[in-house]
Each structure stands twice: as C-alpha cells, then as structure tokens.
Amino acid sequence: MKTPPPFKLSKTSLLILTLLSLSLLFFQKSANAFWFEPILGYSTGSFDFPQDSTGRLTDSNQYEGSVSGYRLGLRAGWSIGQVLHVGPSLTYDKLTFSYDKPAGTQDADLKAWAVGAVLGLGSKSFPFRFWVGYNLQDKLDLDQVGGSLAKYEGTSYYAGLGYKFSGSFPLTLGVEYTVRTYDKLVVLGINDDVPDYEVSHLTATVSVPFNMF
C-alpha cells in the first residue's frame, strides 16, 4: 500500500490562514467585526516586457506599450477597533495590451488573477480610506501573436485611496495603483525564468464595503 504524499499548504493559503488567525484574536474588540467588499474598476497603464531571457532591454527585443481594461475583485476580513481592516483579497483583470514597440505588433488580450492580503485604515467619522496590499500569487495569461498562449507568474503590490459616502448604503469611490512583476514564463509547455516583466496601472474603483464601519 502506497503512503499518501504529505499535505502541503501553498504560500497563499498559509498567508490567509495566518491573517485570519491573527484577526480572530481581536474579534471581541468590535461588535461588527467581519466585513466584505465587492469591487468593480477600470484600469489604464503601461507594460514593459523584454522579449527574451537575456535581461537586455534594447530596441530590438523589448515589448512596450499601454494596457487598459476592467477589474473585478473581492476583499473580506476582520475590523480591528473599527479603524484597521485586514484580510485576504482576490482580483481578476481582463485587459488589452496595445503595443508601441516593436512597430506593427498586434494588440493582445490578457487575463490576470491575483491572490494576497490587504491592510486598510478608515473610520466612521473620517470620509477618506487608505489601503495597501501584496499578492503572493499573480498569474497572467497573455494571448500572443500567432495564437499561442503565454502564462506568466509573479507577485504584485498595490496602494489605494478612497472616499466613502455617508448614508444607509455603503459606497466608496477610489483610485488604486498596482505594480505587477513576473519572473516566470510558461509557453508551449516550457518553463523558463525571465527578467522582470512589469505591468503597472491605475484603477478607478467603485466598491461596497459591507459592515466595515
């Protein structure tokens, strides 16, 4: 009889479990501690992709251009003292790459999933919110010219500022800056380490933070 392989948690799972465990220690400090926040946004920014794995950023082997598209997201967690908000986050981005270099390169579509954690500050008496986050897993699927699908893996971080409206229905309008860095490439079944491929974008967001304040 074969021995089953040992159970292992991913880095993302460990991060989420750790955050939830720490948050539970502070649960009794707030009567309405659990919150969740669906997010809708539109992004615009730029990308910088070296074409090969040499790390050289020259005119002959570098992809550059703009990126735009929409975002769906969900954040949830626990409030600490109704001021500090911490928990896991999940985002999905459907974006379009418009190439400036090399000349004549066709536009390409991408899908990106990111999982990580968010830490935010806000209160009932102050209309502005601030948050920062880090994604331990950021995966990007890019439809390459010719129909092949390239998959990139890396990490990302973001920071945001929002204005929450007072009233019975919670609503926040915000802006968020995200930097994604990819260092692994999978294309046609081949895995390869690559120089840092970077996508950065500014996202205008509309979110509904239920039970946060």
N, C-alpha and C. Protein backbone atom coordinates (compact mmCIF):
# COMPACT_ATOMS: atom_id res chain seq x y z
N MET A 1 0.85 -1.20 0.00
CA MET A 1 0.00 0.00 0.00
C MET A 1 0.88 1.24 0.00
N LYS A 2 0.62 2.12 -0.94
CA LYS A 2 1.43 3.33 -1.05
C LYS A 2 1.06 4.34 0.01
N THR A 3 2.10 4.99 0.53
CA THR A 3 1.87 6.05 1.51
C THR A 3 1.48 7.32 0.80
N PRO A 4 0.35 7.93 1.20
CA PRO A 4 -0.07 9.16 0.51
C PRO A 4 0.94 10.26 0.72
N PRO A 5 1.09 11.16 -0.25
CA PRO A 5 2.05 12.27 -0.11
C PRO A 5 1.63 13.19 1.02
N PRO A 6 2.59 13.83 1.69
CA PRO A 6 2.26 14.74 2.79
C PRO A 6 1.46 15.93 2.30
N PHE A 7 0.54 16.36 3.14
CA PHE A 7 -0.28 17.52 2.79
C PHE A 7 0.53 18.79 2.96
N LYS A 8 0.49 19.64 1.93
CA LYS A 8 1.24 20.89 1.96
C LYS A 8 0.32 22.05 1.62
N LEU A 9 0.49 23.15 2.34
CA LEU A 9 -0.26 24.36 2.06
C LEU A 9 0.59 25.29 1.20
N SER A 10 -0.05 25.96 0.26
CA SER A 10 0.65 26.94 -0.54
C SER A 10 0.96 28.17 0.29
N LYS A 11 1.86 29.02 -0.22
CA LYS A 11 2.20 30.25 0.49
C LYS A 11 0.98 31.13 0.67
N THR A 12 0.12 31.16 -0.36
CA THR A 12 -1.08 31.99 -0.25
C THR A 12 -2.01 31.48 0.82
N SER A 13 -2.20 30.15 0.88
CA SER A 13 -3.08 29.57 1.90
C SER A 13 -2.54 29.84 3.30
N LEU A 14 -1.23 29.71 3.47
CA LEU A 14 -0.64 30.00 4.77
C LEU A 14 -0.82 31.46 5.17
N LEU A 15 -0.67 32.36 4.19
CA LEU A 15 -0.86 33.78 4.47
C LEU A 15 -2.28 34.06 4.91
N ILE A 16 -3.25 33.51 4.19
CA ILE A 16 -4.65 33.75 4.52
C ILE A 16 -5.00 33.18 5.89
N LEU A 17 -4.55 31.96 6.18
CA LEU A 17 -4.82 31.35 7.48
C LEU A 17 -4.18 32.15 8.61
N THR A 18 -2.97 32.65 8.38
CA THR A 18 -2.29 33.45 9.40
C THR A 18 -3.04 34.74 9.68
N LEU A 19 -3.46 35.42 8.61
CA LEU A 19 -4.20 36.67 8.78
C LEU A 19 -5.52 36.44 9.51
N LEU A 20 -6.23 35.39 9.14
CA LEU A 20 -7.49 35.11 9.80
C LEU A 20 -7.29 34.75 11.27
N SER A 21 -6.24 34.00 11.55
CA SER A 21 -5.96 33.61 12.93
C SER A 21 -5.63 34.83 13.79
N LEU A 22 -4.78 35.71 13.25
CA LEU A 22 -4.43 36.92 14.00
C LEU A 22 -5.65 37.83 14.17
N SER A 23 -6.48 37.89 13.12
CA SER A 23 -7.65 38.75 13.22
C SER A 23 -8.63 38.25 14.26
N LEU A 24 -8.75 36.94 14.39
CA LEU A 24 -9.67 36.37 15.38
C LEU A 24 -9.29 36.77 16.80
N LEU A 25 -8.00 37.02 17.04
CA LEU A 25 -7.57 37.43 18.37
C LEU A 25 -8.16 38.77 18.77
N PHE A 26 -8.51 39.57 17.76
CA PHE A 26 -9.05 40.90 18.02
C PHE A 26 -10.57 40.97 17.80
N PHE A 27 -11.21 39.83 17.59
CA PHE A 27 -12.62 39.82 17.25
C PHE A 27 -13.49 40.49 18.31
N GLN A 28 -13.18 40.26 19.57
CA GLN A 28 -14.01 40.78 20.64
C GLN A 28 -13.90 42.30 20.80
N LYS A 29 -12.97 42.93 20.13
CA LYS A 29 -12.83 44.39 20.23
C LYS A 29 -13.86 45.13 19.38
N SER A 30 -14.56 44.43 18.51
CA SER A 30 -15.53 45.07 17.64
C SER A 30 -16.79 44.23 17.56
N ALA A 31 -17.96 44.87 17.77
CA ALA A 31 -19.22 44.13 17.74
C ALA A 31 -19.54 43.66 16.32
N ASN A 32 -19.20 44.44 15.31
CA ASN A 32 -19.44 44.08 13.91
C ASN A 32 -18.09 43.92 13.22
N ALA A 33 -17.41 42.82 13.51
CA ALA A 33 -16.01 42.70 13.12
C ALA A 33 -15.81 42.23 11.69
N PHE A 34 -16.68 41.36 11.18
CA PHE A 34 -16.45 40.80 9.86
C PHE A 34 -16.97 41.74 8.77
N TRP A 35 -16.16 41.96 7.72
CA TRP A 35 -16.57 42.80 6.60
C TRP A 35 -16.22 42.12 5.28
N PHE A 36 -16.91 42.52 4.22
CA PHE A 36 -16.55 42.08 2.88
C PHE A 36 -16.87 43.20 1.90
N GLU A 37 -16.14 43.22 0.78
CA GLU A 37 -16.20 44.36 -0.12
C GLU A 37 -16.04 43.92 -1.57
N PRO A 38 -17.13 43.83 -2.35
CA PRO A 38 -17.01 43.61 -3.79
C PRO A 38 -16.53 44.88 -4.49
N ILE A 39 -15.76 44.70 -5.57
CA ILE A 39 -15.09 45.83 -6.23
C ILE A 39 -15.27 45.72 -7.74
N LEU A 40 -15.52 46.85 -8.38
CA LEU A 40 -15.57 46.97 -9.83
C LEU A 40 -14.67 48.14 -10.23
N GLY A 41 -13.85 47.94 -11.26
CA GLY A 41 -12.93 49.01 -11.62
C GLY A 41 -12.56 49.02 -13.09
N TYR A 42 -11.94 50.12 -13.50
CA TYR A 42 -11.41 50.26 -14.86
C TYR A 42 -9.96 50.74 -14.75
N SER A 43 -9.06 50.06 -15.48
CA SER A 43 -7.62 50.32 -15.35
C SER A 43 -7.03 50.86 -16.64
N THR A 44 -5.98 51.66 -16.47
CA THR A 44 -5.18 52.12 -17.59
C THR A 44 -3.74 52.28 -17.12
N GLY A 45 -2.79 51.87 -17.97
CA GLY A 45 -1.39 51.94 -17.55
C GLY A 45 -0.45 51.54 -18.66
N SER A 46 0.67 50.91 -18.30
CA SER A 46 1.71 50.57 -19.27
C SER A 46 2.33 49.22 -18.93
N PHE A 47 3.06 48.67 -19.91
CA PHE A 47 3.79 47.42 -19.68
C PHE A 47 5.17 47.52 -20.32
N ASP A 48 6.08 46.69 -19.80
CA ASP A 48 7.47 46.67 -20.27
C ASP A 48 7.94 45.22 -20.20
N PHE A 49 7.98 44.56 -21.37
CA PHE A 49 8.33 43.14 -21.44
C PHE A 49 9.58 42.95 -22.30
N PRO A 50 10.70 42.52 -21.73
CA PRO A 50 11.81 42.06 -22.55
C PRO A 50 11.37 40.83 -23.36
N GLN A 51 11.83 40.72 -24.58
CA GLN A 51 11.37 39.65 -25.45
C GLN A 51 12.03 38.31 -25.11
N ASP A 52 13.29 38.34 -24.64
CA ASP A 52 13.95 37.08 -24.35
C ASP A 52 14.43 37.07 -22.90
N SER A 53 15.20 36.06 -22.53
CA SER A 53 15.62 35.88 -21.15
C SER A 53 17.03 36.39 -20.88
N THR A 54 17.56 37.24 -21.75
CA THR A 54 18.91 37.74 -21.54
C THR A 54 18.96 38.89 -20.56
N GLY A 55 17.81 39.56 -20.36
CA GLY A 55 17.79 40.70 -19.46
C GLY A 55 18.15 42.00 -20.13
N ARG A 56 18.50 41.95 -21.42
CA ARG A 56 18.87 43.18 -22.12
C ARG A 56 17.62 43.91 -22.58
N LEU A 57 17.54 45.18 -22.26
CA LEU A 57 16.39 45.99 -22.65
C LEU A 57 16.82 46.90 -23.79
N THR A 58 16.76 46.39 -25.00
CA THR A 58 17.17 47.16 -26.17
C THR A 58 15.99 47.31 -27.11
N ASP A 59 16.15 48.18 -28.11
CA ASP A 59 15.06 48.43 -29.06
C ASP A 59 14.69 47.17 -29.85
N SER A 60 15.61 46.25 -30.00
CA SER A 60 15.36 45.09 -30.86
C SER A 60 14.61 43.97 -30.15
N ASN A 61 14.61 43.94 -28.83
CA ASN A 61 13.98 42.79 -28.15
C ASN A 61 13.13 43.20 -26.96
N GLN A 62 12.48 44.34 -27.05
CA GLN A 62 11.67 44.79 -25.94
C GLN A 62 10.26 45.13 -26.41
N TYR A 63 9.27 44.61 -25.67
CA TYR A 63 7.88 44.97 -25.92
C TYR A 63 7.49 46.08 -24.95
N GLU A 64 6.92 47.16 -25.47
CA GLU A 64 6.42 48.25 -24.65
C GLU A 64 5.07 48.71 -25.18
N GLY A 65 4.28 49.31 -24.30
CA GLY A 65 3.01 49.84 -24.75
C GLY A 65 2.09 50.16 -23.60
N SER A 66 0.81 50.31 -23.93
CA SER A 66 -0.19 50.67 -22.93
C SER A 66 -1.11 49.48 -22.66
N VAL A 67 -1.80 49.56 -21.53
CA VAL A 67 -2.71 48.50 -21.12
C VAL A 67 -3.96 49.14 -20.55
N SER A 68 -5.14 48.54 -20.83
CA SER A 68 -6.39 49.07 -20.31
C SER A 68 -7.42 47.94 -20.23
N GLY A 69 -8.41 48.12 -19.36
CA GLY A 69 -9.44 47.11 -19.22
C GLY A 69 -10.13 47.21 -17.88
N TYR A 70 -10.94 46.20 -17.55
CA TYR A 70 -11.75 46.26 -16.34
C TYR A 70 -11.25 45.28 -15.28
N ARG A 71 -11.72 45.50 -14.07
CA ARG A 71 -11.33 44.68 -12.91
C ARG A 71 -12.56 44.28 -12.11
N LEU A 72 -12.54 43.05 -11.63
CA LEU A 72 -13.49 42.57 -10.64
C LEU A 72 -12.69 42.10 -9.43
N GLY A 73 -13.20 42.39 -8.24
CA GLY A 73 -12.45 41.99 -7.06
C GLY A 73 -13.34 41.75 -5.86
N LEU A 74 -12.77 41.08 -4.88
CA LEU A 74 -13.46 40.84 -3.62
C LEU A 74 -12.44 40.82 -2.50
N ARG A 75 -12.75 41.58 -1.45
CA ARG A 75 -11.93 41.58 -0.26
C ARG A 75 -12.82 41.30 0.95
N ALA A 76 -12.26 40.66 1.95
CA ALA A 76 -13.02 40.34 3.15
C ALA A 76 -12.05 40.21 4.31
N GLY A 77 -12.58 40.26 5.52
CA GLY A 77 -11.70 40.11 6.67
C GLY A 77 -12.35 40.59 7.94
N TRP A 78 -11.51 41.07 8.83
CA TRP A 78 -11.95 41.49 10.15
C TRP A 78 -11.52 42.92 10.42
N SER A 79 -12.38 43.65 11.11
CA SER A 79 -12.05 45.01 11.54
C SER A 79 -11.49 44.96 12.95
N ILE A 80 -10.46 45.74 13.17
CA ILE A 80 -9.85 45.83 14.48
C ILE A 80 -10.12 47.22 15.02
N GLY A 81 -10.99 47.30 16.00
CA GLY A 81 -11.33 48.59 16.59
C GLY A 81 -12.07 49.51 15.65
N GLN A 82 -12.72 48.95 14.59
CA GLN A 82 -13.47 49.75 13.61
C GLN A 82 -12.58 50.76 12.87
N VAL A 83 -11.28 50.58 12.93
CA VAL A 83 -10.35 51.50 12.26
C VAL A 83 -9.42 50.75 11.31
N LEU A 84 -8.85 49.65 11.77
CA LEU A 84 -7.91 48.85 10.99
C LEU A 84 -8.65 47.66 10.39
N HIS A 85 -8.47 47.44 9.09
CA HIS A 85 -9.16 46.38 8.38
C HIS A 85 -8.13 45.49 7.69
N VAL A 86 -8.19 44.19 7.94
CA VAL A 86 -7.19 43.27 7.42
C VAL A 86 -7.88 42.00 6.93
N GLY A 87 -7.35 41.42 5.85
CA GLY A 87 -7.92 40.19 5.35
C GLY A 87 -7.39 39.81 3.98
N PRO A 88 -7.86 38.69 3.43
CA PRO A 88 -7.44 38.25 2.10
C PRO A 88 -8.14 39.04 1.00
N SER A 89 -7.54 39.03 -0.19
CA SER A 89 -8.11 39.73 -1.34
C SER A 89 -7.94 38.88 -2.60
N LEU A 90 -8.87 39.04 -3.53
CA LEU A 90 -8.84 38.34 -4.81
C LEU A 90 -9.24 39.32 -5.90
N THR A 91 -8.46 39.39 -6.97
CA THR A 91 -8.79 40.28 -8.09
C THR A 91 -8.67 39.53 -9.41
N TYR A 92 -9.51 39.91 -10.34
CA TYR A 92 -9.48 39.39 -11.71
C TYR A 92 -9.47 40.59 -12.65
N ASP A 93 -8.50 40.61 -13.56
CA ASP A 93 -8.37 41.71 -14.51
C ASP A 93 -8.47 41.17 -15.94
N LYS A 94 -9.29 41.80 -16.75
CA LYS A 94 -9.40 41.50 -18.19
C LYS A 94 -8.90 42.74 -18.93
N LEU A 95 -7.70 42.64 -19.49
CA LEU A 95 -7.02 43.81 -20.04
C LEU A 95 -6.61 43.58 -21.49
N THR A 96 -6.31 44.68 -22.17
CA THR A 96 -5.81 44.65 -23.55
C THR A 96 -4.46 45.33 -23.61
N PHE A 97 -3.49 44.65 -24.21
CA PHE A 97 -2.18 45.23 -24.47
C PHE A 97 -2.20 45.91 -25.83
N SER A 98 -1.80 47.18 -25.88
CA SER A 98 -1.63 47.89 -27.15
C SER A 98 -0.14 48.21 -27.29
N TYR A 99 0.52 47.59 -28.27
CA TYR A 99 1.97 47.67 -28.39
C TYR A 99 2.42 48.96 -29.07
N ASP A 100 3.40 49.63 -28.46
CA ASP A 100 4.12 50.73 -29.10
C ASP A 100 5.39 50.22 -29.77
N LYS A 101 6.01 49.21 -29.18
CA LYS A 101 7.24 48.58 -29.70
C LYS A 101 7.07 47.07 -29.53
N PRO A 102 7.53 46.26 -30.47
CA PRO A 102 8.01 46.61 -31.80
C PRO A 102 6.88 47.13 -32.69
N ALA A 103 7.27 47.92 -33.66
CA ALA A 103 6.29 48.52 -34.57
C ALA A 103 5.54 47.43 -35.33
N GLY A 104 4.23 47.61 -35.46
CA GLY A 104 3.43 46.66 -36.22
C GLY A 104 2.93 45.47 -35.43
N THR A 105 3.29 45.36 -34.16
CA THR A 105 2.81 44.24 -33.35
C THR A 105 1.32 44.41 -33.04
N GLN A 106 0.56 43.33 -33.19
CA GLN A 106 -0.87 43.39 -32.97
C GLN A 106 -1.20 43.46 -31.48
N ASP A 107 -2.36 44.05 -31.19
CA ASP A 107 -2.83 44.08 -29.81
C ASP A 107 -3.07 42.66 -29.30
N ALA A 108 -2.98 42.50 -27.99
CA ALA A 108 -3.18 41.19 -27.37
C ALA A 108 -4.04 41.34 -26.13
N ASP A 109 -4.77 40.28 -25.82
CA ASP A 109 -5.62 40.27 -24.63
C ASP A 109 -4.95 39.49 -23.52
N LEU A 110 -5.26 39.86 -22.29
CA LEU A 110 -4.72 39.13 -21.16
C LEU A 110 -5.76 39.00 -20.06
N LYS A 111 -5.59 37.96 -19.27
CA LYS A 111 -6.38 37.75 -18.06
C LYS A 111 -5.42 37.57 -16.91
N ALA A 112 -5.71 38.21 -15.80
CA ALA A 112 -4.80 38.14 -14.65
C ALA A 112 -5.59 37.86 -13.38
N TRP A 113 -5.12 36.87 -12.62
CA TRP A 113 -5.66 36.56 -11.31
C TRP A 113 -4.61 36.87 -10.26
N ALA A 114 -5.02 37.48 -9.17
CA ALA A 114 -4.09 37.77 -8.08
C ALA A 114 -4.74 37.47 -6.74
N VAL A 115 -3.99 36.82 -5.86
CA VAL A 115 -4.47 36.45 -4.53
C VAL A 115 -3.45 36.91 -3.51
N GLY A 116 -3.91 37.61 -2.48
CA GLY A 116 -2.99 38.10 -1.46
C GLY A 116 -3.72 38.61 -0.24
N ALA A 117 -3.21 39.69 0.33
CA ALA A 117 -3.78 40.25 1.55
C ALA A 117 -3.80 41.76 1.47
N VAL A 118 -4.75 42.36 2.19
CA VAL A 118 -4.92 43.81 2.18
C VAL A 118 -4.97 44.32 3.62
N LEU A 119 -4.43 45.51 3.82
CA LEU A 119 -4.46 46.18 5.12
C LEU A 119 -4.96 47.59 4.88
N GLY A 120 -6.04 47.98 5.57
CA GLY A 120 -6.64 49.28 5.33
C GLY A 120 -6.92 50.06 6.59
N LEU A 121 -7.05 51.39 6.42
CA LEU A 121 -7.39 52.29 7.52
C LEU A 121 -8.62 53.11 7.13
N GLY A 122 -9.52 53.29 8.07
CA GLY A 122 -10.71 54.09 7.85
C GLY A 122 -11.58 54.10 9.09
N SER A 123 -12.45 55.08 9.18
CA SER A 123 -13.33 55.18 10.35
C SER A 123 -14.65 55.82 9.96
N LYS A 124 -15.65 55.72 10.83
CA LYS A 124 -16.95 56.31 10.57
C LYS A 124 -16.89 57.84 10.49
N SER A 125 -16.03 58.44 11.29
CA SER A 125 -16.01 59.90 11.40
C SER A 125 -15.16 60.58 10.34
N PHE A 126 -14.39 59.80 9.54
CA PHE A 126 -13.50 60.38 8.55
C PHE A 126 -13.85 59.81 7.18
N PRO A 127 -14.10 60.65 6.17
CA PRO A 127 -14.61 60.14 4.89
C PRO A 127 -13.60 59.43 4.01
N PHE A 128 -12.30 59.59 4.27
CA PHE A 128 -11.30 59.00 3.40
C PHE A 128 -10.81 57.66 3.94
N ARG A 129 -10.50 56.78 3.01
CA ARG A 129 -9.93 55.47 3.34
C ARG A 129 -8.58 55.31 2.64
N PHE A 130 -7.71 54.51 3.24
CA PHE A 130 -6.41 54.21 2.65
C PHE A 130 -6.13 52.73 2.82
N TRP A 131 -5.57 52.09 1.79
CA TRP A 131 -5.25 50.67 1.90
C TRP A 131 -4.02 50.33 1.07
N VAL A 132 -3.33 49.28 1.50
CA VAL A 132 -2.19 48.73 0.79
C VAL A 132 -2.35 47.22 0.76
N GLY A 133 -1.75 46.59 -0.24
CA GLY A 133 -1.86 45.14 -0.34
C GLY A 133 -0.69 44.53 -1.06
N TYR A 134 -0.53 43.23 -0.86
CA TYR A 134 0.53 42.47 -1.52
C TYR A 134 -0.02 41.13 -1.96
N ASN A 135 0.22 40.76 -3.21
CA ASN A 135 -0.24 39.50 -3.76
C ASN A 135 0.93 38.52 -3.91
N LEU A 136 0.86 37.42 -3.17
CA LEU A 136 1.91 36.41 -3.25
C LEU A 136 1.81 35.62 -4.56
N GLN A 137 0.63 35.56 -5.13
CA GLN A 137 0.43 34.88 -6.40
C GLN A 137 -0.27 35.82 -7.37
N ASP A 138 0.38 36.06 -8.49
CA ASP A 138 -0.19 36.87 -9.56
C ASP A 138 0.09 36.13 -10.87
N LYS A 139 -0.97 35.64 -11.50
CA LYS A 139 -0.82 34.85 -12.72
C LYS A 139 -1.49 35.56 -13.88
N LEU A 140 -0.78 35.62 -14.99
CA LEU A 140 -1.24 36.35 -16.17
C LEU A 140 -1.23 35.43 -17.38
N ASP A 141 -2.35 35.36 -18.10
CA ASP A 141 -2.44 34.63 -19.36
C ASP A 141 -2.50 35.64 -20.49
N LEU A 142 -1.54 35.56 -21.38
CA LEU A 142 -1.43 36.52 -22.48
C LEU A 142 -1.58 35.80 -23.81
N ASP A 143 -2.54 36.24 -24.63
CA ASP A 143 -2.71 35.69 -25.98
C ASP A 143 -1.68 36.32 -26.89
N GLN A 144 -0.69 35.54 -27.27
CA GLN A 144 0.39 36.03 -28.10
C GLN A 144 -0.01 36.11 -29.57
N VAL A 145 0.73 36.89 -30.34
CA VAL A 145 0.53 36.93 -31.78
C VAL A 145 0.78 35.53 -32.34
N GLY A 146 -0.10 35.07 -33.23
CA GLY A 146 0.02 33.72 -33.77
C GLY A 146 -0.85 32.72 -33.05
N GLY A 147 -1.51 33.15 -31.97
CA GLY A 147 -2.47 32.28 -31.30
C GLY A 147 -1.93 31.50 -30.12
N SER A 148 -0.63 31.53 -29.86
CA SER A 148 -0.10 30.81 -28.71
C SER A 148 -0.44 31.55 -27.43
N LEU A 149 -0.52 30.80 -26.34
CA LEU A 149 -0.89 31.36 -25.06
C LEU A 149 0.31 31.29 -24.11
N ALA A 150 0.75 32.45 -23.66
CA ALA A 150 1.87 32.51 -22.72
C ALA A 150 1.31 32.76 -21.32
N LYS A 151 1.85 32.05 -20.35
CA LYS A 151 1.42 32.20 -18.96
C LYS A 151 2.60 32.71 -18.15
N TYR A 152 2.36 33.79 -17.41
CA TYR A 152 3.39 34.39 -16.58
C TYR A 152 2.99 34.27 -15.12
N GLU A 153 4.00 34.12 -14.25
CA GLU A 153 3.76 34.02 -12.82
C GLU A 153 4.68 34.97 -12.09
N GLY A 154 4.13 35.63 -11.04
CA GLY A 154 4.94 36.56 -10.27
C GLY A 154 4.20 37.05 -9.05
N THR A 155 4.49 38.27 -8.65
CA THR A 155 3.87 38.89 -7.49
C THR A 155 3.44 40.31 -7.86
N SER A 156 2.69 40.94 -6.99
CA SER A 156 2.27 42.32 -7.23
C SER A 156 1.97 43.01 -5.91
N TYR A 157 1.98 44.33 -5.96
CA TYR A 157 1.60 45.12 -4.79
C TYR A 157 0.77 46.30 -5.25
N TYR A 158 0.01 46.88 -4.33
CA TYR A 158 -0.87 47.98 -4.70
C TYR A 158 -1.13 48.88 -3.51
N ALA A 159 -1.56 50.10 -3.79
CA ALA A 159 -1.94 51.06 -2.76
C ALA A 159 -3.12 51.86 -3.30
N GLY A 160 -4.06 52.19 -2.41
CA GLY A 160 -5.25 52.88 -2.87
C GLY A 160 -5.75 53.92 -1.89
N LEU A 161 -6.52 54.86 -2.42
CA LEU A 161 -7.14 55.92 -1.63
C LEU A 161 -8.59 56.03 -2.08
N GLY A 162 -9.51 56.11 -1.12
CA GLY A 162 -10.92 56.17 -1.48
C GLY A 162 -11.69 57.16 -0.64
N TYR A 163 -12.85 57.54 -1.16
CA TYR A 163 -13.77 58.41 -0.45
C TYR A 163 -15.07 57.66 -0.22
N LYS A 164 -15.47 57.51 1.03
CA LYS A 164 -16.70 56.78 1.35
C LYS A 164 -17.83 57.77 1.60
N PHE A 165 -18.97 57.46 1.02
CA PHE A 165 -20.15 58.30 1.16
C PHE A 165 -20.93 57.88 2.40
N SER A 166 -21.44 58.84 3.11
CA SER A 166 -22.25 58.55 4.29
C SER A 166 -23.67 58.21 3.85
N GLY A 167 -24.38 57.48 4.68
CA GLY A 167 -25.74 57.08 4.35
C GLY A 167 -25.98 55.63 4.69
N SER A 168 -27.20 55.17 4.42
CA SER A 168 -27.56 53.80 4.77
C SER A 168 -26.91 52.77 3.86
N PHE A 169 -26.58 53.15 2.61
CA PHE A 169 -25.94 52.22 1.68
C PHE A 169 -24.46 52.56 1.55
N PRO A 170 -23.56 51.62 1.92
CA PRO A 170 -22.12 51.92 1.88
C PRO A 170 -21.61 51.97 0.44
N LEU A 171 -20.85 53.00 0.11
CA LEU A 171 -20.28 53.14 -1.22
C LEU A 171 -18.97 53.89 -1.12
N THR A 172 -17.94 53.39 -1.81
CA THR A 172 -16.64 54.05 -1.84
C THR A 172 -16.18 54.22 -3.28
N LEU A 173 -15.79 55.43 -3.64
CA LEU A 173 -15.12 55.70 -4.91
C LEU A 173 -13.63 55.83 -4.62
N GLY A 174 -12.82 55.12 -5.39
CA GLY A 174 -11.40 55.13 -5.08
C GLY A 174 -10.52 55.07 -6.31
N VAL A 175 -9.24 55.18 -6.06
CA VAL A 175 -8.23 55.02 -7.10
C VAL A 175 -7.11 54.17 -6.52
N GLU A 176 -6.61 53.25 -7.32
CA GLU A 176 -5.63 52.27 -6.84
C GLU A 176 -4.51 52.11 -7.85
N TYR A 177 -3.27 52.11 -7.37
CA TYR A 177 -2.11 51.94 -8.23
C TYR A 177 -1.51 50.56 -7.98
N THR A 178 -1.35 49.78 -9.06
CA THR A 178 -0.87 48.41 -8.96
C THR A 178 0.40 48.23 -9.79
N VAL A 179 1.36 47.51 -9.24
CA VAL A 179 2.58 47.14 -9.96
C VAL A 179 2.70 45.62 -9.92
N ARG A 180 2.69 45.01 -11.09
CA ARG A 180 2.83 43.55 -11.22
C ARG A 180 4.21 43.24 -11.80
N THR A 181 4.88 42.27 -11.20
CA THR A 181 6.20 41.86 -11.68
C THR A 181 6.21 40.34 -11.88
N TYR A 182 6.55 39.92 -13.11
CA TYR A 182 6.55 38.49 -13.44
C TYR A 182 7.97 38.04 -13.74
N ASP A 183 8.34 36.88 -13.15
CA ASP A 183 9.69 36.37 -13.37
C ASP A 183 9.71 34.93 -13.87
N LYS A 184 8.53 34.35 -14.14
CA LYS A 184 8.45 33.00 -14.70
C LYS A 184 7.52 33.00 -15.89
N LEU A 185 7.90 32.26 -16.93
CA LEU A 185 7.13 32.18 -18.16
C LEU A 185 6.89 30.71 -18.51
N VAL A 186 5.64 30.39 -18.86
CA VAL A 186 5.29 29.07 -19.35
C VAL A 186 4.62 29.24 -20.71
N VAL A 187 5.24 28.74 -21.77
CA VAL A 187 4.68 28.84 -23.11
C VAL A 187 4.99 27.55 -23.85
N LEU A 188 3.96 26.98 -24.48
CA LEU A 188 4.08 25.72 -25.21
C LEU A 188 4.66 24.61 -24.32
N GLY A 189 4.27 24.63 -23.04
CA GLY A 189 4.70 23.60 -22.10
C GLY A 189 6.10 23.77 -21.56
N ILE A 190 6.79 24.85 -21.90
CA ILE A 190 8.17 25.06 -21.47
C ILE A 190 8.19 26.13 -20.37
N ASN A 191 8.84 25.80 -19.24
CA ASN A 191 9.01 26.75 -18.13
C ASN A 191 10.35 27.44 -18.26
N ASP A 192 10.36 28.74 -17.99
CA ASP A 192 11.60 29.49 -18.12
C ASP A 192 11.59 30.65 -17.15
N ASP A 193 12.75 30.91 -16.52
CA ASP A 193 12.92 32.12 -15.72
C ASP A 193 13.21 33.28 -16.67
N VAL A 194 12.57 34.40 -16.42
CA VAL A 194 12.72 35.55 -17.31
C VAL A 194 13.09 36.77 -16.49
N PRO A 195 13.64 37.80 -17.14
CA PRO A 195 13.86 39.06 -16.43
C PRO A 195 12.52 39.63 -16.01
N ASP A 196 12.54 40.57 -15.13
CA ASP A 196 11.29 41.10 -14.58
C ASP A 196 10.44 41.74 -15.67
N TYR A 197 9.29 41.11 -15.95
CA TYR A 197 8.29 41.67 -16.85
C TYR A 197 7.35 42.50 -15.98
N GLU A 198 7.15 43.75 -16.32
CA GLU A 198 6.40 44.64 -15.43
C GLU A 198 5.16 45.21 -16.12
N VAL A 199 4.06 45.15 -15.38
CA VAL A 199 2.81 45.79 -15.79
C VAL A 199 2.38 46.71 -14.64
N SER A 200 2.15 47.97 -14.92
CA SER A 200 1.70 48.91 -13.89
C SER A 200 0.47 49.65 -14.41
N HIS A 201 -0.50 49.83 -13.54
CA HIS A 201 -1.72 50.51 -13.99
C HIS A 201 -2.42 51.20 -12.83
N LEU A 202 -3.17 52.22 -13.18
CA LEU A 202 -4.00 52.97 -12.25
C LEU A 202 -5.45 52.53 -12.47
N THR A 203 -6.15 52.22 -11.38
CA THR A 203 -7.50 51.69 -11.49
C THR A 203 -8.47 52.57 -10.73
N ALA A 204 -9.50 53.06 -11.44
CA ALA A 204 -10.61 53.76 -10.79
C ALA A 204 -11.61 52.71 -10.32
N THR A 205 -12.00 52.75 -9.05
CA THR A 205 -12.81 51.68 -8.48
C THR A 205 -14.10 52.22 -7.86
N VAL A 206 -15.10 51.36 -7.89
CA VAL A 206 -16.34 51.55 -7.15
C VAL A 206 -16.52 50.30 -6.30
N SER A 207 -16.65 50.47 -4.99
CA SER A 207 -16.76 49.32 -4.11
C SER A 207 -17.84 49.55 -3.06
N VAL A 208 -18.29 48.44 -2.48
CA VAL A 208 -19.33 48.49 -1.46
C VAL A 208 -18.83 47.75 -0.22
N PRO A 209 -18.29 48.47 0.76
CA PRO A 209 -17.72 47.83 1.94
C PRO A 209 -18.81 47.53 2.99
N PHE A 210 -19.39 46.34 2.92
CA PHE A 210 -20.43 45.94 3.85
C PHE A 210 -19.85 45.69 5.25
N ASN A 211 -20.47 46.29 6.23
CA ASN A 211 -20.16 46.04 7.64
C ASN A 211 -18.76 46.47 8.05
N MET A 212 -18.13 47.34 7.25
CA MET A 212 -16.77 47.76 7.58
C MET A 212 -16.75 48.85 8.64
N PHE A 213 -17.74 49.73 8.65
CA PHE A 213 -17.72 50.88 9.55
C PHE A 213 -18.95 50.84 10.46
